[in-house]
Amino acid sequence: MKGLMILAAIAMVALPLSANAGAIARKSGYENDKNVLSDPSALNWNIEECSHHGINPQLQERLAKLMGVPEANVRFEFCRRVLTAFARGAIPYDDYVQFAGSGVMTPSIARALRIAGSRPSKPQGNRQADIVLPASAKMDSGETFKGSTIASGSSGRFSVQSSRRSAKCSSTYDLTDRRPTIVLPVKCSDGRTGRIEVTRAADLMSAWGKVTLSDGSSGRLTVGKVRK
């Protein structure tokens, strides 16, 4: 998959300013990159690619405090938050030029870095609110499932109920696993087992994938609101 100009600019923010000059795209290139990143698969790929670039240790420490994440997660979170905001049109072209050319922390960039995108604001007290997203699956047999995913802390639960019987199918997943595509084992109360191969959007607020059950049926799964 082709690397983007916005990706190059983000990856070089921690390098000397002279290196950043070549990363500034024309407005037409900026619009093209934004259009490409509207595809969740392209967005996930570019976030992963961006996160492998090096970063200045002093900048890493400052960004960790700004974003509220451990230093080990700075590169991934930095790329994820900025690229996701860029794809949504939340970073104007003029802000992008300042950021790419001189590392200026414009208001839109600062907002993107401070907003986790995959987490709600913390409620009063020490406990972080659960994130509940609708989940559904339509099988080739005509059977449908409806339910939800619940993310709490570092773990998540997946539970759906069949339209044809009282069976419920469920699974768990690790929220610290940041890979775009994961495979989850599924167990159903009627004895069926299976697996889900699911791809998550970069903001972790939607997902889509394929469900395969031991009775031979298969289908498509959606979580949250998946962009068409």
C-alpha atoms as a PDB file:
ATOM      1  CA  MET A   1       0.000   0.000   0.000  1.00  0.00           C
ATOM      2  CA  LYS A   2       1.324   3.436  -0.943  1.00  0.00           C
ATOM      3  CA  GLY A   3       2.699   5.694   1.788  1.00  0.00           C
ATOM      4  CA  LEU A   4       1.014   9.083   2.081  1.00  0.00           C
ATOM      5  CA  MET A   5       2.399  12.605   2.349  1.00  0.00           C
ATOM      6  CA  ILE A   6       0.578  13.161   5.635  1.00  0.00           C
ATOM      7  CA  LEU A   7       2.207   9.970   6.926  1.00  0.00           C
ATOM      8  CA  ALA A   8       5.639  11.251   5.950  1.00  0.00           C
ATOM      9  CA  ALA A   9       5.015  14.538   7.718  1.00  0.00           C
ATOM     10  CA  ILE A  10       3.872  12.860  10.908  1.00  0.00           C
ATOM     11  CA  ALA A  11       6.725  10.375  10.898  1.00  0.00           C
ATOM     12  CA  MET A  12       9.324  13.146  10.632  1.00  0.00           C
ATOM     13  CA  VAL A  13       7.973  15.511  13.286  1.00  0.00           C
ATOM     14  CA  ALA A  14      10.672  14.386  15.728  1.00  0.00           C
ATOM     15  CA  LEU A  15      13.514  14.947  13.223  1.00  0.00           C
ATOM     16  CA  PRO A  16      15.354  18.212  12.457  1.00  0.00           C
ATOM     17  CA  LEU A  17      13.100  20.811  10.847  1.00  0.00           C
ATOM     18  CA  SER A  18      15.069  20.773   7.597  1.00  0.00           C
ATOM     19  CA  ALA A  19      13.944  17.186   7.043  1.00  0.00           C
ATOM     20  CA  ASN A  20      10.304  18.186   7.237  1.00  0.00           C
ATOM     21  CA  ALA A  21      10.353  20.537   4.276  1.00  0.00           C
ATOM     22  CA  GLY A  22       9.922  17.755   1.719  1.00  0.00           C
ATOM     23  CA  ALA A  23       6.911  16.316   3.548  1.00  0.00           C
ATOM     24  CA  ILE A  24       4.556  19.211   2.820  1.00  0.00           C
ATOM     25  CA  ALA A  25       1.950  18.233   0.253  1.00  0.00           C
ATOM     26  CA  ARG A  26       0.128  20.483  -2.195  1.00  0.00           C
ATOM     27  CA  LYS A  27      -3.515  20.971  -1.260  1.00  0.00           C
ATOM     28  CA  SER A  28      -4.531  18.495  -3.978  1.00  0.00           C
ATOM     29  CA  GLY A  29      -2.255  15.886  -2.386  1.00  0.00           C
ATOM     30  CA  TYR A  30      -3.646  16.705   1.042  1.00  0.00           C
ATOM     31  CA  GLU A  31      -7.201  16.107  -0.221  1.00  0.00           C
ATOM     32  CA  ASN A  32      -6.142  12.868  -1.921  1.00  0.00           C
ATOM     33  CA  ASP A  33      -4.513  11.561   1.263  1.00  0.00           C
ATOM     34  CA  LYS A  34      -7.616  12.407   3.265  1.00  0.00           C
ATOM     35  CA  ASN A  35      -9.779  10.541   0.760  1.00  0.00           C
ATOM     36  CA  VAL A  36      -7.495   7.481   0.876  1.00  0.00           C
ATOM     37  CA  LEU A  37      -7.586   7.420   4.674  1.00  0.00           C
ATOM     38  CA  SER A  38     -11.403   7.394   4.654  1.00  0.00           C
ATOM     39  CA  ASP A  39     -11.001   3.661   3.945  1.00  0.00           C
ATOM     40  CA  PRO A  40     -10.594   2.004   7.391  1.00  0.00           C
ATOM     41  CA  SER A  41      -8.188  -0.603   5.996  1.00  0.00           C
ATOM     42  CA  ALA A  42      -5.916   2.094   4.533  1.00  0.00           C
ATOM     43  CA  LEU A  43      -6.118   4.073   7.766  1.00  0.00           C
ATOM     44  CA  ASN A  44      -5.127   1.036   9.848  1.00  0.00           C
ATOM     45  CA  TRP A  45      -2.217   0.219   7.524  1.00  0.00           C
ATOM     46  CA  ASN A  46      -0.840   3.763   7.589  1.00  0.00           C
ATOM     47  CA  ILE A  47      -1.149   4.009  11.374  1.00  0.00           C
ATOM     48  CA  GLU A  48       0.836   0.807  11.749  1.00  0.00           C
ATOM     49  CA  GLU A  49       3.465   1.981   9.232  1.00  0.00           C
ATOM     50  CA  CYS A  50       3.790   5.377  10.897  1.00  0.00           C
ATOM     51  CA  SER A  51       4.156   3.856  14.375  1.00  0.00           C
ATOM     52  CA  HIS A  52       7.436   2.132  13.430  1.00  0.00           C
ATOM     53  CA  HIS A  53       9.333   5.382  12.876  1.00  0.00           C
ATOM     54  CA  GLY A  54      11.729   6.659  15.525  1.00  0.00           C
ATOM     55  CA  ILE A  55      10.994   9.528  17.872  1.00  0.00           C
ATOM     56  CA  ASN A  56      13.077  12.015  19.823  1.00  0.00           C
ATOM     57  CA  PRO A  57      13.234  10.843  23.499  1.00  0.00           C
ATOM     58  CA  GLN A  58      12.450  14.310  24.883  1.00  0.00           C
ATOM     59  CA  LEU A  59       9.474  14.674  22.546  1.00  0.00           C
ATOM     60  CA  GLN A  60       8.308  11.174  23.464  1.00  0.00           C
ATOM     61  CA  GLU A  61       8.239  12.128  27.132  1.00  0.00           C
ATOM     62  CA  ARG A  62       6.268  15.323  26.465  1.00  0.00           C
ATOM     63  CA  LEU A  63       3.782  13.548  24.205  1.00  0.00           C
ATOM     64  CA  ALA A  64       3.236  10.809  26.789  1.00  0.00           C
ATOM     65  CA  LYS A  65       2.124  13.456  29.295  1.00  0.00           C
ATOM     66  CA  LEU A  66      -0.020  15.293  26.737  1.00  0.00           C
ATOM     67  CA  MET A  67      -1.833  12.148  25.577  1.00  0.00           C
ATOM     68  CA  GLY A  68      -1.974  10.433  28.967  1.00  0.00           C
ATOM     69  CA  VAL A  69      -0.335   7.209  27.791  1.00  0.00           C
ATOM     70  CA  PRO A  70       2.826   5.259  28.749  1.00  0.00           C
ATOM     71  CA  GLU A  71       5.933   6.271  26.784  1.00  0.00           C
ATOM     72  CA  ALA A  72       6.000   2.813  25.162  1.00  0.00           C
ATOM     73  CA  ASN A  73       2.629   3.589  23.500  1.00  0.00           C
ATOM     74  CA  VAL A  74       3.461   7.108  22.327  1.00  0.00           C
ATOM     75  CA  ARG A  75       4.382   6.345  18.710  1.00  0.00           C
ATOM     76  CA  PHE A  76       1.288   4.254  18.003  1.00  0.00           C
ATOM     77  CA  GLU A  77      -1.114   6.606  19.806  1.00  0.00           C
ATOM     78  CA  PHE A  78       0.451   9.697  18.232  1.00  0.00           C
ATOM     79  CA  CYS A  79       0.018   8.262  14.737  1.00  0.00           C
ATOM     80  CA  ARG A  80      -3.439   6.858  15.442  1.00  0.00           C
ATOM     81  CA  ARG A  81      -4.867  10.040  16.882  1.00  0.00           C
ATOM     82  CA  VAL A  82      -3.445  12.422  14.289  1.00  0.00           C
ATOM     83  CA  LEU A  83      -4.181  10.230  11.253  1.00  0.00           C
ATOM     84  CA  THR A  84      -7.718   9.473  12.478  1.00  0.00           C
ATOM     85  CA  ALA A  85      -8.403  13.187  12.991  1.00  0.00           C
ATOM     86  CA  PHE A  86      -6.905  13.934   9.564  1.00  0.00           C
ATOM     87  CA  ALA A  87      -9.125  11.304   7.909  1.00  0.00           C
ATOM     88  CA  ARG A  88     -12.199  12.846   9.543  1.00  0.00           C
ATOM     89  CA  GLY A  89     -11.337  16.310   8.233  1.00  0.00           C
ATOM     90  CA  ALA A  90     -10.573  17.647  11.716  1.00  0.00           C
ATOM     91  CA  ILE A  91      -7.113  18.968  10.702  1.00  0.00           C
ATOM     92  CA  PRO A  92      -7.377  21.812   8.140  1.00  0.00           C
ATOM     93  CA  TYR A  93      -4.827  22.161   5.354  1.00  0.00           C
ATOM     94  CA  ASP A  94      -3.216  25.296   6.847  1.00  0.00           C
ATOM     95  CA  ASP A  95      -2.733  23.505  10.170  1.00  0.00           C
ATOM     96  CA  TYR A  96      -1.224  20.536   8.352  1.00  0.00           C
ATOM     97  CA  VAL A  97       1.285  22.805   6.557  1.00  0.00           C
ATOM     98  CA  GLN A  98       2.393  24.426   9.827  1.00  0.00           C
ATOM     99  CA  PHE A  99       2.674  21.066  11.514  1.00  0.00           C
ATOM    100  CA  ALA A 100       4.619  19.424   8.680  1.00  0.00           C
ATOM    101  CA  GLY A 101       6.874  22.406   7.998  1.00  0.00           C
ATOM    102  CA  SER A 102       7.839  23.532  11.488  1.00  0.00           C
ATOM    103  CA  GLY A 103       6.241  21.190  14.003  1.00  0.00           C
ATOM    104  CA  VAL A 104       3.811  23.898  15.214  1.00  0.00           C
ATOM    105  CA  MET A 105       1.251  22.427  17.610  1.00  0.00           C
ATOM    106  CA  THR A 106      -1.847  24.040  16.106  1.00  0.00           C
ATOM    107  CA  PRO A 107      -5.183  23.870  17.990  1.00  0.00           C
ATOM    108  CA  SER A 108      -6.537  21.109  15.757  1.00  0.00           C
ATOM    109  CA  ILE A 109      -3.413  18.968  16.259  1.00  0.00           C
ATOM    110  CA  ALA A 110      -3.524  19.539  20.003  1.00  0.00           C
ATOM    111  CA  ARG A 111      -7.179  18.516  20.131  1.00  0.00           C
ATOM    112  CA  ALA A 112      -6.444  15.374  18.120  1.00  0.00           C
ATOM    113  CA  LEU A 113      -3.660  14.358  20.516  1.00  0.00           C
ATOM    114  CA  ARG A 114      -5.661  15.009  23.667  1.00  0.00           C
ATOM    115  CA  ILE A 115      -8.704  13.038  22.504  1.00  0.00           C
ATOM    116  CA  ALA A 116      -8.100   9.299  22.733  1.00  0.00           C
ATOM    117  CA  GLY A 117     -10.851   8.525  20.217  1.00  0.00           C
ATOM    118  CA  SER A 118     -11.389   5.041  21.634  1.00  0.00           C
ATOM    119  CA  ARG A 119     -12.278   6.023  25.163  1.00  0.00           C
ATOM    120  CA  PRO A 120     -14.986   8.204  26.725  1.00  0.00           C
ATOM    121  CA  SER A 121     -14.156  10.819  29.320  1.00  0.00           C
ATOM    122  CA  LYS A 122     -13.563   9.369  32.756  1.00  0.00           C
ATOM    123  CA  PRO A 123     -16.542   9.695  35.104  1.00  0.00           C
ATOM    124  CA  GLN A 124     -16.267  10.936  38.653  1.00  0.00           C
ATOM    125  CA  GLY A 125     -14.397   8.550  40.885  1.00  0.00           C
ATOM    126  CA  ASN A 126     -11.645   6.148  39.926  1.00  0.00           C
ATOM    127  CA  ARG A 127     -13.614   3.803  37.680  1.00  0.00           C
ATOM    128  CA  GLN A 128     -13.579   4.394  33.934  1.00  0.00           C
ATOM    129  CA  ALA A 129     -16.905   4.070  32.133  1.00  0.00           C
ATOM    130  CA  ASP A 130     -17.582   0.924  30.109  1.00  0.00           C
ATOM    131  CA  ILE A 131     -17.824   1.305  26.330  1.00  0.00           C
ATOM    132  CA  VAL A 132     -20.878  -0.523  24.960  1.00  0.00           C
ATOM    133  CA  LEU A 133     -21.308  -0.981  21.202  1.00  0.00           C
ATOM    134  CA  PRO A 134     -24.096  -2.798  19.322  1.00  0.00           C
ATOM    135  CA  ALA A 135     -23.084  -6.030  17.608  1.00  0.00           C
ATOM    136  CA  SER A 136     -24.937  -8.114  15.018  1.00  0.00           C
ATOM    137  CA  ALA A 137     -24.286 -10.994  12.643  1.00  0.00           C
ATOM    138  CA  LYS A 138     -26.235 -12.338   9.663  1.00  0.00           C
ATOM    139  CA  MET A 139     -25.536 -15.959   8.735  1.00  0.00           C
ATOM    140  CA  ASP A 140     -25.894 -17.606   5.324  1.00  0.00           C
ATOM    141  CA  SER A 141     -28.428 -19.986   6.917  1.00  0.00           C
ATOM    142  CA  GLY A 142     -30.783 -17.056   7.587  1.00  0.00           C
ATOM    143  CA  GLU A 143     -30.065 -17.053  11.315  1.00  0.00           C
ATOM    144  CA  THR A 144     -29.265 -13.662  12.804  1.00  0.00           C
ATOM    145  CA  PHE A 145     -27.591 -12.634  16.041  1.00  0.00           C
ATOM    146  CA  LYS A 146     -27.920  -9.399  17.989  1.00  0.00           C
ATOM    147  CA  GLY A 147     -26.144  -8.210  21.099  1.00  0.00           C
ATOM    148  CA  SER A 148     -23.269  -5.989  22.132  1.00  0.00           C
ATOM    149  CA  THR A 149     -19.611  -5.675  22.981  1.00  0.00           C
ATOM    150  CA  ILE A 150     -18.581  -4.204  26.321  1.00  0.00           C
ATOM    151  CA  ALA A 151     -15.087  -2.814  26.815  1.00  0.00           C
ATOM    152  CA  SER A 152     -13.998  -2.284  30.406  1.00  0.00           C
ATOM    153  CA  GLY A 153     -10.441  -1.501  31.476  1.00  0.00           C
ATOM    154  CA  SER A 154      -8.072  -3.730  29.504  1.00  0.00           C
ATOM    155  CA  SER A 155     -10.594  -6.434  28.567  1.00  0.00           C
ATOM    156  CA  GLY A 156     -13.713  -6.769  26.471  1.00  0.00           C
ATOM    157  CA  ARG A 157     -16.740  -9.067  26.263  1.00  0.00           C
ATOM    158  CA  PHE A 158     -18.760 -10.043  23.215  1.00  0.00           C
ATOM    159  CA  SER A 159     -22.277 -11.510  23.584  1.00  0.00           C
ATOM    160  CA  VAL A 160     -25.081 -12.032  21.031  1.00  0.00           C
ATOM    161  CA  GLN A 161     -28.365 -13.989  21.003  1.00  0.00           C
ATOM    162  CA  SER A 162     -29.756 -16.070  18.147  1.00  0.00           C
ATOM    163  CA  SER A 163     -33.000 -15.170  16.379  1.00  0.00           C
ATOM    164  CA  ARG A 164     -33.949 -18.839  15.965  1.00  0.00           C
ATOM    165  CA  ARG A 165     -33.412 -20.246  19.404  1.00  0.00           C
ATOM    166  CA  SER A 166     -32.534 -19.192  22.906  1.00  0.00           C
ATOM    167  CA  ALA A 167     -28.854 -19.779  22.254  1.00  0.00           C
ATOM    168  CA  LYS A 168     -26.344 -17.136  23.218  1.00  0.00           C
ATOM    169  CA  CYS A 169     -22.827 -16.931  21.798  1.00  0.00           C
ATOM    170  CA  SER A 170     -20.006 -15.096  23.525  1.00  0.00           C
ATOM    171  CA  SER A 171     -16.288 -14.406  23.612  1.00  0.00           C
ATOM    172  CA  THR A 172     -13.716 -12.195  25.312  1.00  0.00           C
ATOM    173  CA  TYR A 173     -10.857 -10.107  23.905  1.00  0.00           C
ATOM    174  CA  ASP A 174      -7.798  -8.211  25.048  1.00  0.00           C
ATOM    175  CA  LEU A 175      -8.006  -4.430  24.612  1.00  0.00           C
ATOM    176  CA  THR A 176      -4.229  -4.096  24.903  1.00  0.00           C
ATOM    177  CA  ASP A 177      -3.869  -6.060  21.641  1.00  0.00           C
ATOM    178  CA  ARG A 178      -3.639  -3.206  19.116  1.00  0.00           C
ATOM    179  CA  ARG A 179      -3.473  -5.317  15.946  1.00  0.00           C
ATOM    180  CA  PRO A 180      -6.090  -4.153  13.407  1.00  0.00           C
ATOM    181  CA  THR A 181      -7.302  -7.717  12.731  1.00  0.00           C
ATOM    182  CA  ILE A 182      -7.771 -10.322  15.467  1.00  0.00           C
ATOM    183  CA  VAL A 183      -9.322 -13.797  15.678  1.00  0.00           C
ATOM    184  CA  LEU A 184     -11.661 -14.627  18.563  1.00  0.00           C
ATOM    185  CA  PRO A 185     -12.936 -18.076  19.618  1.00  0.00           C
ATOM    186  CA  VAL A 186     -16.706 -18.228  20.169  1.00  0.00           C
ATOM    187  CA  LYS A 187     -18.762 -20.541  22.389  1.00  0.00           C
ATOM    188  CA  CYS A 188     -22.551 -20.869  22.222  1.00  0.00           C
ATOM    189  CA  SER A 189     -24.922 -22.108  24.914  1.00  0.00           C
ATOM    190  CA  ASP A 190     -26.393 -24.743  22.531  1.00  0.00           C
ATOM    191  CA  GLY A 191     -23.008 -26.455  22.155  1.00  0.00           C
ATOM    192  CA  ARG A 192     -21.842 -24.802  18.978  1.00  0.00           C
ATOM    193  CA  THR A 193     -18.371 -23.310  18.811  1.00  0.00           C
ATOM    194  CA  GLY A 194     -16.696 -21.137  16.212  1.00  0.00           C
ATOM    195  CA  ARG A 195     -14.428 -18.224  15.456  1.00  0.00           C
ATOM    196  CA  ILE A 196     -14.647 -14.598  14.439  1.00  0.00           C
ATOM    197  CA  GLU A 197     -12.035 -12.911  12.287  1.00  0.00           C
ATOM    198  CA  VAL A 198     -12.636  -9.244  12.957  1.00  0.00           C
ATOM    199  CA  THR A 199     -11.010  -6.038  11.691  1.00  0.00           C
ATOM    200  CA  ARG A 200     -11.265  -3.019  13.954  1.00  0.00           C
ATOM    201  CA  ALA A 201     -11.414   0.614  12.854  1.00  0.00           C
ATOM    202  CA  ALA A 202      -8.521   2.777  14.008  1.00  0.00           C
ATOM    203  CA  ASP A 203     -10.614   4.517  16.683  1.00  0.00           C
ATOM    204  CA  LEU A 204     -11.743   1.091  17.994  1.00  0.00           C
ATOM    205  CA  MET A 205     -15.375   2.251  17.922  1.00  0.00           C
ATOM    206  CA  SER A 206     -16.463  -0.055  15.084  1.00  0.00           C
ATOM    207  CA  ALA A 207     -15.452  -3.381  13.560  1.00  0.00           C
ATOM    208  CA  TRP A 208     -16.459  -5.856  10.876  1.00  0.00           C
ATOM    209  CA  GLY A 209     -15.593  -9.427  10.021  1.00  0.00           C
ATOM    210  CA  LYS A 210     -16.529 -13.027   9.301  1.00  0.00           C
ATOM    211  CA  VAL A 211     -18.175 -15.531  11.653  1.00  0.00           C
ATOM    212  CA  THR A 212     -17.792 -19.305  11.204  1.00  0.00           C
ATOM    213  CA  LEU A 213     -19.679 -21.785  13.419  1.00  0.00           C
ATOM    214  CA  SER A 214     -19.232 -25.521  13.962  1.00  0.00           C
ATOM    215  CA  ASP A 215     -22.640 -26.333  12.387  1.00  0.00           C
ATOM    216  CA  GLY A 216     -21.179 -25.258   9.031  1.00  0.00           C
ATOM    217  CA  SER A 217     -22.840 -21.851   8.871  1.00  0.00           C
ATOM    218  CA  SER A 218     -20.953 -18.628   8.259  1.00  0.00           C
ATOM    219  CA  GLY A 219     -21.834 -14.960   8.113  1.00  0.00           C
ATOM    220  CA  ARG A 220     -20.799 -11.341   8.462  1.00  0.00           C
ATOM    221  CA  LEU A 221     -20.379  -9.469  11.733  1.00  0.00           C
ATOM    222  CA  THR A 222     -20.622  -5.724  12.368  1.00  0.00           C
ATOM    223  CA  VAL A 223     -19.870  -3.864  15.597  1.00  0.00           C
ATOM    224  CA  GLY A 224     -20.747  -0.235  16.153  1.00  0.00           C
ATOM    225  CA  LYS A 225     -21.496   1.966  13.153  1.00  0.00           C
ATOM    226  CA  VAL A 226     -19.342   0.785  10.261  1.00  0.00           C
ATOM    227  CA  ARG A 227     -18.743   3.298   7.454  1.00  0.00           C
ATOM    228  CA  LYS A 228     -19.970   2.034   4.094  1.00  0.00           C
END
